[in-house]
Amino acid sequence: MSLTRSEVRQAQVRASGMIAEAGIVLSDEEKENIEVAGFGLGNLHVQGLELITYINTDRYCAKDLVLFPGQTCPEHRHPTIDGIPGKMETFRCRWGSVLLYVEGEATVDIQAVVPPESEASYTVFHEVILLPGEQYTIPPNTNHWFQGGPEGAVVSEFSSTSRDELDIFTDPLIARMPIVIEDE
């Protein structure tokens, strides 16, 4: 499923406001270029992500990620491609809280709500809760997913080169690159 231009614009405005609330200043151009990833699932506020990429070279990448309250970036991993290790990324919470789930011993009562329509596609449940000023590094090729806490979250991501279009999602229905259509 695609997103309409007005859905994208609303998400960009909301994400821009949350980034400002975190004390991060964006240029007007950056605000207009916030990527809205709906993953082709048709439920952006349940499974989606808003992000701004500041730089992405063949050596490193820096982004800010925005999660609305309860919004989930679905489970995925960054695989090795052509002998090049997948992305290693460090998440640093700037505002709000983020519930991060990675491989490891499952947490008994996780705080996140797994999206019911995609429940079978969520397989890792080792919970890491990040509050402002806390960070966690995810190794390459590690299954992970994350969700905004009750107020949402702004998370800075520092990583090796990002090749989002090559991420492998556990949900076969996901389309990583957004399709935006004009409003009728």
N, C-alpha and C. Protein backbone atom coordinates (compact mmCIF):
# COMPACT_ATOMS: atom_id res chain seq x y z
N MET A 1 0.84 -1.18 0.00
CA MET A 1 0.00 0.00 0.00
C MET A 1 0.88 1.24 0.00
N SER A 2 0.40 2.26 -0.64
CA SER A 2 1.17 3.49 -0.74
C SER A 2 0.63 4.53 0.25
N LEU A 3 1.37 5.60 0.39
CA LEU A 3 0.97 6.74 1.20
C LEU A 3 0.56 7.86 0.27
N THR A 4 -0.39 8.69 0.72
CA THR A 4 -0.75 9.86 -0.07
C THR A 4 0.21 11.00 0.27
N ARG A 5 0.33 11.93 -0.63
CA ARG A 5 1.19 13.09 -0.41
C ARG A 5 0.78 13.82 0.89
N SER A 6 -0.52 13.93 1.17
CA SER A 6 -0.95 14.63 2.39
C SER A 6 -0.60 13.83 3.65
N GLU A 7 -0.65 12.49 3.59
CA GLU A 7 -0.22 11.67 4.73
C GLU A 7 1.26 11.87 5.02
N VAL A 8 2.05 11.92 3.96
CA VAL A 8 3.49 12.15 4.10
C VAL A 8 3.73 13.51 4.72
N ARG A 9 3.05 14.53 4.20
CA ARG A 9 3.24 15.90 4.71
C ARG A 9 2.86 16.00 6.18
N GLN A 10 1.74 15.39 6.57
CA GLN A 10 1.32 15.41 7.99
C GLN A 10 2.37 14.74 8.88
N ALA A 11 2.90 13.61 8.44
CA ALA A 11 3.92 12.92 9.22
C ALA A 11 5.21 13.74 9.29
N GLN A 12 5.57 14.41 8.20
CA GLN A 12 6.78 15.26 8.20
C GLN A 12 6.63 16.40 9.20
N VAL A 13 5.47 17.04 9.21
CA VAL A 13 5.23 18.16 10.13
C VAL A 13 5.28 17.68 11.58
N ARG A 14 4.62 16.56 11.85
CA ARG A 14 4.62 16.02 13.22
C ARG A 14 6.03 15.62 13.64
N ALA A 15 6.77 14.95 12.76
CA ALA A 15 8.14 14.54 13.07
C ALA A 15 9.04 15.75 13.28
N SER A 16 8.88 16.76 12.45
CA SER A 16 9.66 17.99 12.58
C SER A 16 9.43 18.64 13.94
N GLY A 17 8.17 18.64 14.39
CA GLY A 17 7.84 19.20 15.70
C GLY A 17 8.50 18.43 16.83
N MET A 18 8.52 17.10 16.72
CA MET A 18 9.15 16.28 17.75
C MET A 18 10.66 16.49 17.77
N ILE A 19 11.26 16.62 16.59
CA ILE A 19 12.70 16.88 16.52
C ILE A 19 13.02 18.22 17.17
N ALA A 20 12.19 19.24 16.90
CA ALA A 20 12.39 20.55 17.53
C ALA A 20 12.25 20.45 19.05
N GLU A 21 11.26 19.66 19.51
CA GLU A 21 11.07 19.47 20.94
C GLU A 21 12.29 18.83 21.59
N ALA A 22 13.01 18.02 20.81
CA ALA A 22 14.24 17.39 21.31
C ALA A 22 15.42 18.36 21.30
N GLY A 23 15.19 19.58 20.81
CA GLY A 23 16.25 20.59 20.79
C GLY A 23 17.17 20.49 19.59
N ILE A 24 16.73 19.77 18.55
CA ILE A 24 17.53 19.60 17.34
C ILE A 24 16.98 20.55 16.28
N VAL A 25 17.85 21.33 15.69
CA VAL A 25 17.45 22.33 14.70
C VAL A 25 17.62 21.74 13.30
N LEU A 26 16.56 21.84 12.50
CA LEU A 26 16.61 21.41 11.10
C LEU A 26 16.43 22.62 10.20
N SER A 27 17.06 22.59 9.05
CA SER A 27 16.82 23.62 8.05
C SER A 27 15.46 23.36 7.42
N ASP A 28 14.91 24.35 6.73
CA ASP A 28 13.63 24.17 6.05
C ASP A 28 13.72 23.03 5.03
N GLU A 29 14.86 22.94 4.33
CA GLU A 29 15.05 21.89 3.35
C GLU A 29 15.04 20.50 4.01
N GLU A 30 15.70 20.39 5.17
CA GLU A 30 15.71 19.12 5.89
C GLU A 30 14.29 18.74 6.34
N LYS A 31 13.52 19.71 6.82
CA LYS A 31 12.14 19.44 7.24
C LYS A 31 11.32 18.89 6.08
N GLU A 32 11.51 19.45 4.90
CA GLU A 32 10.76 19.01 3.72
C GLU A 32 11.22 17.64 3.21
N ASN A 33 12.45 17.25 3.58
CA ASN A 33 13.01 15.99 3.09
C ASN A 33 12.99 14.87 4.12
N ILE A 34 12.22 15.05 5.21
CA ILE A 34 12.08 13.95 6.17
C ILE A 34 11.44 12.78 5.43
N GLU A 35 12.11 11.63 5.48
CA GLU A 35 11.57 10.44 4.83
C GLU A 35 10.50 9.82 5.71
N VAL A 36 9.41 9.44 5.09
CA VAL A 36 8.32 8.78 5.80
C VAL A 36 8.24 7.36 5.26
N ALA A 37 8.58 6.40 6.12
CA ALA A 37 8.60 4.99 5.72
C ALA A 37 7.36 4.31 6.28
N GLY A 38 6.44 3.96 5.40
CA GLY A 38 5.23 3.26 5.81
C GLY A 38 5.33 1.76 5.60
N PHE A 39 6.40 1.32 4.96
CA PHE A 39 6.70 -0.10 4.73
C PHE A 39 5.64 -0.81 3.90
N GLY A 40 4.79 -0.05 3.22
CA GLY A 40 3.79 -0.65 2.35
C GLY A 40 2.69 -1.39 3.07
N LEU A 41 2.55 -1.16 4.37
CA LEU A 41 1.59 -1.92 5.17
C LEU A 41 0.25 -1.20 5.36
N GLY A 42 0.21 0.09 5.04
CA GLY A 42 -1.04 0.83 5.14
C GLY A 42 -1.45 1.21 6.56
N ASN A 43 -0.52 1.16 7.50
CA ASN A 43 -0.83 1.55 8.88
C ASN A 43 0.35 2.32 9.49
N LEU A 44 0.69 3.44 8.89
CA LEU A 44 1.87 4.23 9.25
C LEU A 44 2.00 4.48 10.75
N HIS A 45 0.91 4.78 11.42
CA HIS A 45 1.02 5.12 12.84
C HIS A 45 1.22 3.90 13.73
N VAL A 46 1.07 2.69 13.16
CA VAL A 46 1.33 1.47 13.91
C VAL A 46 2.70 0.91 13.52
N GLN A 47 2.95 0.77 12.21
CA GLN A 47 4.23 0.28 11.72
C GLN A 47 4.76 1.27 10.70
N GLY A 48 5.68 2.09 11.15
CA GLY A 48 6.25 3.13 10.31
C GLY A 48 7.42 3.78 11.00
N LEU A 49 8.00 4.75 10.32
CA LEU A 49 9.19 5.43 10.85
C LEU A 49 9.39 6.70 10.04
N GLU A 50 9.83 7.76 10.71
CA GLU A 50 10.18 9.00 10.04
C GLU A 50 11.67 9.23 10.29
N LEU A 51 12.41 9.62 9.25
CA LEU A 51 13.84 9.79 9.43
C LEU A 51 14.41 10.87 8.54
N ILE A 52 15.47 11.46 9.04
CA ILE A 52 16.22 12.44 8.27
C ILE A 52 17.67 11.96 8.23
N THR A 53 18.21 11.85 7.02
CA THR A 53 19.60 11.41 6.85
C THR A 53 20.45 12.64 6.62
N TYR A 54 21.42 12.86 7.49
CA TYR A 54 22.30 14.03 7.39
C TYR A 54 23.46 13.74 6.44
N ILE A 55 23.99 12.52 6.54
CA ILE A 55 25.09 12.13 5.67
C ILE A 55 25.11 10.61 5.57
N ASN A 56 25.42 10.11 4.38
CA ASN A 56 25.55 8.67 4.17
C ASN A 56 26.59 8.47 3.08
N THR A 57 27.80 8.10 3.49
CA THR A 57 28.89 7.89 2.53
C THR A 57 29.26 6.40 2.52
N ASP A 58 30.30 6.08 1.80
CA ASP A 58 30.75 4.69 1.77
C ASP A 58 31.50 4.30 3.06
N ARG A 59 31.57 5.21 4.02
CA ARG A 59 32.26 4.93 5.28
C ARG A 59 31.37 5.06 6.51
N TYR A 60 30.45 6.04 6.49
CA TYR A 60 29.64 6.25 7.69
C TYR A 60 28.33 6.96 7.35
N CYS A 61 27.43 6.96 8.36
CA CYS A 61 26.10 7.52 8.17
C CYS A 61 25.63 8.14 9.50
N ALA A 62 24.87 9.24 9.39
CA ALA A 62 24.25 9.87 10.57
C ALA A 62 22.81 10.23 10.22
N LYS A 63 21.89 9.84 11.11
CA LYS A 63 20.46 10.09 10.90
C LYS A 63 19.81 10.44 12.23
N ASP A 64 18.62 11.03 12.15
CA ASP A 64 17.73 11.09 13.29
C ASP A 64 16.47 10.35 12.89
N LEU A 65 15.99 9.50 13.81
CA LEU A 65 14.80 8.71 13.61
C LEU A 65 13.71 9.25 14.53
N VAL A 66 12.48 9.30 14.03
CA VAL A 66 11.36 9.73 14.84
C VAL A 66 10.33 8.60 14.86
N LEU A 67 9.89 8.28 16.07
CA LEU A 67 8.83 7.30 16.26
C LEU A 67 7.69 7.99 16.99
N PHE A 68 6.50 7.97 16.42
CA PHE A 68 5.33 8.50 17.12
C PHE A 68 5.00 7.55 18.27
N PRO A 69 4.18 7.97 19.23
CA PRO A 69 3.84 7.07 20.35
C PRO A 69 3.32 5.72 19.85
N GLY A 70 3.97 4.64 20.28
CA GLY A 70 3.57 3.29 19.91
C GLY A 70 3.90 2.88 18.49
N GLN A 71 4.49 3.77 17.70
CA GLN A 71 4.84 3.44 16.31
C GLN A 71 6.04 2.50 16.30
N THR A 72 5.99 1.49 15.45
CA THR A 72 7.00 0.43 15.42
C THR A 72 7.73 0.39 14.08
N CYS A 73 9.06 0.33 14.14
CA CYS A 73 9.85 -0.01 12.97
C CYS A 73 9.96 -1.52 12.98
N PRO A 74 9.40 -2.20 11.97
CA PRO A 74 9.32 -3.67 11.98
C PRO A 74 10.69 -4.36 12.05
N GLU A 75 10.63 -5.61 12.47
CA GLU A 75 11.85 -6.41 12.63
C GLU A 75 12.59 -6.58 11.31
N HIS A 76 13.90 -6.35 11.38
CA HIS A 76 14.75 -6.46 10.20
C HIS A 76 16.20 -6.66 10.63
N ARG A 77 17.04 -6.88 9.61
CA ARG A 77 18.48 -6.97 9.85
C ARG A 77 19.20 -6.34 8.66
N HIS A 78 20.47 -6.03 8.89
CA HIS A 78 21.31 -5.42 7.86
C HIS A 78 22.35 -6.47 7.45
N PRO A 79 22.11 -7.18 6.35
CA PRO A 79 22.95 -8.33 5.98
C PRO A 79 24.27 -7.95 5.32
N THR A 80 25.16 -8.93 5.27
CA THR A 80 26.39 -8.80 4.49
C THR A 80 26.01 -8.84 3.01
N ILE A 81 26.55 -7.91 2.23
CA ILE A 81 26.28 -7.84 0.79
C ILE A 81 27.62 -7.78 0.06
N ASP A 82 27.82 -8.71 -0.87
CA ASP A 82 29.05 -8.76 -1.66
C ASP A 82 30.30 -8.72 -0.78
N GLY A 83 30.26 -9.43 0.33
CA GLY A 83 31.41 -9.50 1.23
C GLY A 83 31.57 -8.31 2.15
N ILE A 84 30.71 -7.32 2.03
CA ILE A 84 30.77 -6.14 2.89
C ILE A 84 29.81 -6.35 4.06
N PRO A 85 30.32 -6.28 5.30
CA PRO A 85 29.44 -6.50 6.46
C PRO A 85 28.26 -5.53 6.45
N GLY A 86 27.14 -6.00 6.97
CA GLY A 86 25.96 -5.15 7.09
C GLY A 86 26.21 -4.00 8.04
N LYS A 87 25.27 -3.11 8.08
CA LYS A 87 25.39 -1.90 8.89
C LYS A 87 25.48 -2.22 10.38
N MET A 88 26.45 -1.62 11.04
CA MET A 88 26.52 -1.60 12.49
C MET A 88 25.97 -0.23 12.88
N GLU A 89 25.04 -0.21 13.84
CA GLU A 89 24.43 1.08 14.18
C GLU A 89 24.33 1.26 15.68
N THR A 90 24.54 2.51 16.09
CA THR A 90 24.36 2.89 17.48
C THR A 90 23.15 3.81 17.56
N PHE A 91 22.20 3.43 18.40
CA PHE A 91 21.03 4.27 18.66
C PHE A 91 21.29 5.05 19.95
N ARG A 92 21.08 6.35 19.89
CA ARG A 92 21.18 7.20 21.09
C ARG A 92 19.87 7.95 21.23
N CYS A 93 19.17 7.68 22.31
CA CYS A 93 17.88 8.33 22.54
C CYS A 93 18.12 9.80 22.88
N ARG A 94 17.43 10.68 22.18
CA ARG A 94 17.56 12.13 22.41
C ARG A 94 16.36 12.69 23.17
N TRP A 95 15.19 12.08 22.93
CA TRP A 95 13.95 12.60 23.53
C TRP A 95 12.94 11.46 23.60
N GLY A 96 12.12 11.45 24.65
CA GLY A 96 11.12 10.40 24.79
C GLY A 96 11.76 9.10 25.25
N SER A 97 11.23 8.00 24.75
CA SER A 97 11.81 6.70 25.08
C SER A 97 11.59 5.76 23.90
N VAL A 98 12.54 4.85 23.73
CA VAL A 98 12.44 3.87 22.66
C VAL A 98 12.60 2.47 23.26
N LEU A 99 11.71 1.58 22.84
CA LEU A 99 11.76 0.19 23.26
C LEU A 99 12.42 -0.58 22.12
N LEU A 100 13.61 -1.10 22.35
CA LEU A 100 14.41 -1.76 21.34
C LEU A 100 14.45 -3.26 21.64
N TYR A 101 14.29 -4.08 20.61
CA TYR A 101 14.29 -5.53 20.76
C TYR A 101 15.33 -6.13 19.84
N VAL A 102 16.22 -6.93 20.44
CA VAL A 102 17.34 -7.52 19.72
C VAL A 102 17.42 -9.01 20.04
N GLU A 103 18.30 -9.70 19.32
CA GLU A 103 18.54 -11.11 19.60
C GLU A 103 19.12 -11.25 21.00
N GLY A 104 18.80 -12.34 21.65
CA GLY A 104 19.27 -12.60 23.01
C GLY A 104 18.15 -13.21 23.82
N GLU A 105 18.39 -13.40 25.10
CA GLU A 105 17.38 -14.00 25.97
C GLU A 105 16.13 -13.13 26.00
N ALA A 106 15.00 -13.74 25.71
CA ALA A 106 13.74 -12.99 25.64
C ALA A 106 13.36 -12.44 27.01
N THR A 107 12.90 -11.20 27.01
CA THR A 107 12.36 -10.57 28.20
C THR A 107 10.95 -11.13 28.40
N VAL A 108 10.61 -11.48 29.63
CA VAL A 108 9.34 -12.16 29.89
C VAL A 108 8.13 -11.29 29.55
N ASP A 109 8.04 -10.12 30.12
CA ASP A 109 6.90 -9.22 29.87
C ASP A 109 7.40 -7.95 29.20
N ILE A 110 7.43 -7.97 27.87
CA ILE A 110 7.94 -6.79 27.17
C ILE A 110 6.94 -5.64 27.30
N GLN A 111 7.46 -4.42 27.20
CA GLN A 111 6.61 -3.24 27.31
C GLN A 111 5.95 -2.87 25.99
N ALA A 112 6.54 -3.26 24.88
CA ALA A 112 5.99 -2.90 23.57
C ALA A 112 4.72 -3.71 23.29
N VAL A 113 3.94 -3.18 22.37
CA VAL A 113 2.77 -3.89 21.86
C VAL A 113 3.12 -4.34 20.45
N VAL A 114 3.21 -5.65 20.24
CA VAL A 114 3.52 -6.18 18.93
C VAL A 114 2.30 -5.96 18.03
N PRO A 115 2.50 -5.36 16.85
CA PRO A 115 1.36 -5.14 15.95
C PRO A 115 0.63 -6.46 15.65
N PRO A 116 -0.64 -6.58 16.05
CA PRO A 116 -1.35 -7.86 15.94
C PRO A 116 -1.39 -8.43 14.52
N GLU A 117 -1.54 -7.57 13.52
CA GLU A 117 -1.64 -8.06 12.14
C GLU A 117 -0.33 -8.62 11.61
N SER A 118 0.78 -8.37 12.32
CA SER A 118 2.09 -8.85 11.87
C SER A 118 2.80 -9.67 12.94
N GLU A 119 2.07 -10.10 13.95
CA GLU A 119 2.65 -10.76 15.11
C GLU A 119 3.62 -11.90 14.76
N ALA A 120 3.28 -12.70 13.76
CA ALA A 120 4.13 -13.85 13.40
C ALA A 120 5.49 -13.43 12.86
N SER A 121 5.63 -12.17 12.46
CA SER A 121 6.88 -11.69 11.87
C SER A 121 7.83 -11.08 12.90
N TYR A 122 7.44 -11.09 14.16
CA TYR A 122 8.30 -10.58 15.23
C TYR A 122 8.87 -11.76 15.99
N THR A 123 10.20 -11.89 15.97
CA THR A 123 10.84 -13.10 16.51
C THR A 123 11.85 -12.85 17.62
N VAL A 124 12.27 -11.61 17.82
CA VAL A 124 13.27 -11.32 18.86
C VAL A 124 12.65 -10.43 19.93
N PHE A 125 12.93 -10.78 21.21
CA PHE A 125 12.24 -10.10 22.30
C PHE A 125 13.14 -9.78 23.48
N HIS A 126 14.45 -9.66 23.24
CA HIS A 126 15.34 -9.20 24.31
C HIS A 126 15.19 -7.67 24.36
N GLU A 127 14.62 -7.18 25.44
CA GLU A 127 14.23 -5.77 25.53
C GLU A 127 15.35 -4.89 26.08
N VAL A 128 15.56 -3.77 25.38
CA VAL A 128 16.48 -2.72 25.83
C VAL A 128 15.68 -1.43 25.79
N ILE A 129 15.52 -0.78 26.92
CA ILE A 129 14.77 0.48 26.97
C ILE A 129 15.78 1.62 27.02
N LEU A 130 15.65 2.54 26.07
CA LEU A 130 16.55 3.68 26.00
C LEU A 130 15.80 4.95 26.36
N LEU A 131 16.35 5.69 27.31
CA LEU A 131 15.84 6.99 27.70
C LEU A 131 16.84 8.04 27.23
N PRO A 132 16.50 9.32 27.27
CA PRO A 132 17.43 10.35 26.78
C PRO A 132 18.83 10.22 27.39
N GLY A 133 19.82 10.23 26.50
CA GLY A 133 21.21 10.13 26.91
C GLY A 133 21.73 8.70 26.95
N GLU A 134 20.85 7.72 26.73
CA GLU A 134 21.29 6.32 26.73
C GLU A 134 21.43 5.82 25.30
N GLN A 135 22.35 4.89 25.11
CA GLN A 135 22.59 4.38 23.76
C GLN A 135 22.86 2.88 23.77
N TYR A 136 22.72 2.29 22.58
CA TYR A 136 22.92 0.86 22.41
C TYR A 136 23.43 0.63 20.99
N THR A 137 24.42 -0.26 20.85
CA THR A 137 24.97 -0.58 19.53
C THR A 137 24.49 -1.94 19.07
N ILE A 138 23.97 -1.98 17.85
CA ILE A 138 23.44 -3.20 17.24
C ILE A 138 24.47 -3.70 16.23
N PRO A 139 24.98 -4.92 16.43
CA PRO A 139 25.96 -5.47 15.48
C PRO A 139 25.33 -5.73 14.10
N PRO A 140 26.15 -5.85 13.06
CA PRO A 140 25.63 -6.18 11.73
C PRO A 140 24.88 -7.51 11.74
N ASN A 141 23.93 -7.65 10.85
CA ASN A 141 23.20 -8.89 10.61
C ASN A 141 22.47 -9.41 11.85
N THR A 142 22.02 -8.49 12.71
CA THR A 142 21.30 -8.83 13.93
C THR A 142 19.84 -8.44 13.78
N ASN A 143 18.94 -9.40 13.95
CA ASN A 143 17.52 -9.06 13.90
C ASN A 143 17.19 -8.09 15.03
N HIS A 144 16.43 -7.06 14.70
CA HIS A 144 16.01 -6.07 15.69
C HIS A 144 14.77 -5.33 15.21
N TRP A 145 14.05 -4.76 16.17
CA TRP A 145 12.91 -3.90 15.89
C TRP A 145 12.78 -2.94 17.05
N PHE A 146 12.05 -1.85 16.85
CA PHE A 146 11.94 -0.86 17.91
C PHE A 146 10.62 -0.11 17.82
N GLN A 147 10.22 0.43 18.98
CA GLN A 147 8.92 1.09 19.09
C GLN A 147 9.05 2.33 19.96
N GLY A 148 8.31 3.39 19.57
CA GLY A 148 8.27 4.60 20.37
C GLY A 148 7.53 4.36 21.67
N GLY A 149 8.03 4.95 22.75
CA GLY A 149 7.35 4.85 24.04
C GLY A 149 6.08 5.68 24.06
N PRO A 150 5.49 5.90 25.22
CA PRO A 150 4.20 6.58 25.34
C PRO A 150 4.17 7.99 24.73
N GLU A 151 5.31 8.69 24.75
CA GLU A 151 5.37 10.04 24.18
C GLU A 151 6.04 10.05 22.81
N GLY A 152 6.47 8.88 22.35
CA GLY A 152 7.22 8.78 21.12
C GLY A 152 8.70 8.87 21.42
N ALA A 153 9.51 9.03 20.37
CA ALA A 153 10.95 9.09 20.57
C ALA A 153 11.64 9.79 19.41
N VAL A 154 12.74 10.44 19.74
CA VAL A 154 13.69 10.93 18.74
C VAL A 154 15.01 10.24 19.07
N VAL A 155 15.55 9.53 18.07
CA VAL A 155 16.74 8.73 18.27
C VAL A 155 17.77 9.11 17.21
N SER A 156 18.98 9.41 17.64
CA SER A 156 20.08 9.63 16.70
C SER A 156 20.70 8.28 16.39
N GLU A 157 20.94 8.06 15.10
CA GLU A 157 21.58 6.82 14.66
C GLU A 157 22.92 7.18 14.05
N PHE A 158 23.97 6.55 14.55
CA PHE A 158 25.32 6.67 14.01
C PHE A 158 25.69 5.29 13.51
N SER A 159 26.11 5.18 12.25
CA SER A 159 26.32 3.84 11.72
C SER A 159 27.37 3.82 10.62
N SER A 160 27.71 2.59 10.25
CA SER A 160 28.46 2.42 9.02
C SER A 160 27.48 2.71 7.87
N THR A 161 27.93 2.61 6.66
CA THR A 161 27.11 2.95 5.49
C THR A 161 25.72 2.32 5.57
N SER A 162 24.71 3.13 5.27
CA SER A 162 23.33 2.67 5.29
C SER A 162 22.91 2.28 3.88
N ARG A 163 22.41 1.05 3.75
CA ARG A 163 21.84 0.59 2.48
C ARG A 163 20.45 0.04 2.79
N ASP A 164 19.57 0.96 3.21
CA ASP A 164 18.23 0.59 3.68
C ASP A 164 17.46 -0.27 2.68
N GLU A 165 17.68 -0.01 1.40
CA GLU A 165 16.94 -0.76 0.38
C GLU A 165 17.31 -2.24 0.37
N LEU A 166 18.42 -2.62 1.05
CA LEU A 166 18.87 -4.01 1.09
C LEU A 166 18.56 -4.69 2.43
N ASP A 167 17.92 -3.96 3.35
CA ASP A 167 17.55 -4.56 4.63
C ASP A 167 16.65 -5.77 4.39
N ILE A 168 16.76 -6.75 5.26
CA ILE A 168 15.91 -7.94 5.16
C ILE A 168 14.93 -7.91 6.33
N PHE A 169 13.64 -7.83 5.99
CA PHE A 169 12.57 -7.79 6.99
C PHE A 169 12.02 -9.19 7.19
N THR A 170 11.60 -9.51 8.42
CA THR A 170 11.01 -10.82 8.68
C THR A 170 9.58 -10.90 8.16
N ASP A 171 8.94 -9.76 7.92
CA ASP A 171 7.59 -9.74 7.36
C ASP A 171 7.71 -9.65 5.83
N PRO A 172 7.30 -10.69 5.10
CA PRO A 172 7.45 -10.68 3.64
C PRO A 172 6.57 -9.65 2.93
N LEU A 173 5.62 -9.04 3.64
CA LEU A 173 4.74 -8.04 3.03
C LEU A 173 5.36 -6.65 2.97
N ILE A 174 6.50 -6.47 3.63
CA ILE A 174 7.10 -5.14 3.73
C ILE A 174 7.78 -4.73 2.43
N ALA A 175 7.53 -3.47 2.06
CA ALA A 175 8.24 -2.81 0.97
C ALA A 175 8.99 -1.65 1.61
N ARG A 176 10.32 -1.74 1.67
CA ARG A 176 11.11 -0.74 2.39
C ARG A 176 11.06 0.65 1.77
N MET A 177 11.14 0.75 0.48
CA MET A 177 11.19 2.07 -0.14
C MET A 177 9.77 2.58 -0.35
N PRO A 178 9.51 3.81 0.08
CA PRO A 178 8.14 4.33 0.07
C PRO A 178 7.60 4.61 -1.33
N ILE A 179 6.31 4.37 -1.47
CA ILE A 179 5.58 4.74 -2.68
C ILE A 179 4.58 5.81 -2.27
N VAL A 180 4.71 6.98 -2.85
CA VAL A 180 3.82 8.09 -2.52
C VAL A 180 2.98 8.42 -3.74
N ILE A 181 1.67 8.55 -3.50
CA ILE A 181 0.76 8.90 -4.59
C ILE A 181 0.15 10.27 -4.32
N GLU A 182 -0.28 10.93 -5.35
CA GLU A 182 -0.93 12.23 -5.20
C GLU A 182 -2.32 12.03 -4.61
N ASP A 183 -2.77 13.00 -3.82
CA ASP A 183 -4.12 12.95 -3.26
C ASP A 183 -5.14 13.12 -4.40
N GLU A 184 -6.29 12.50 -4.21
CA GLU A 184 -7.34 12.62 -5.23
C GLU A 184 -8.16 13.88 -5.03
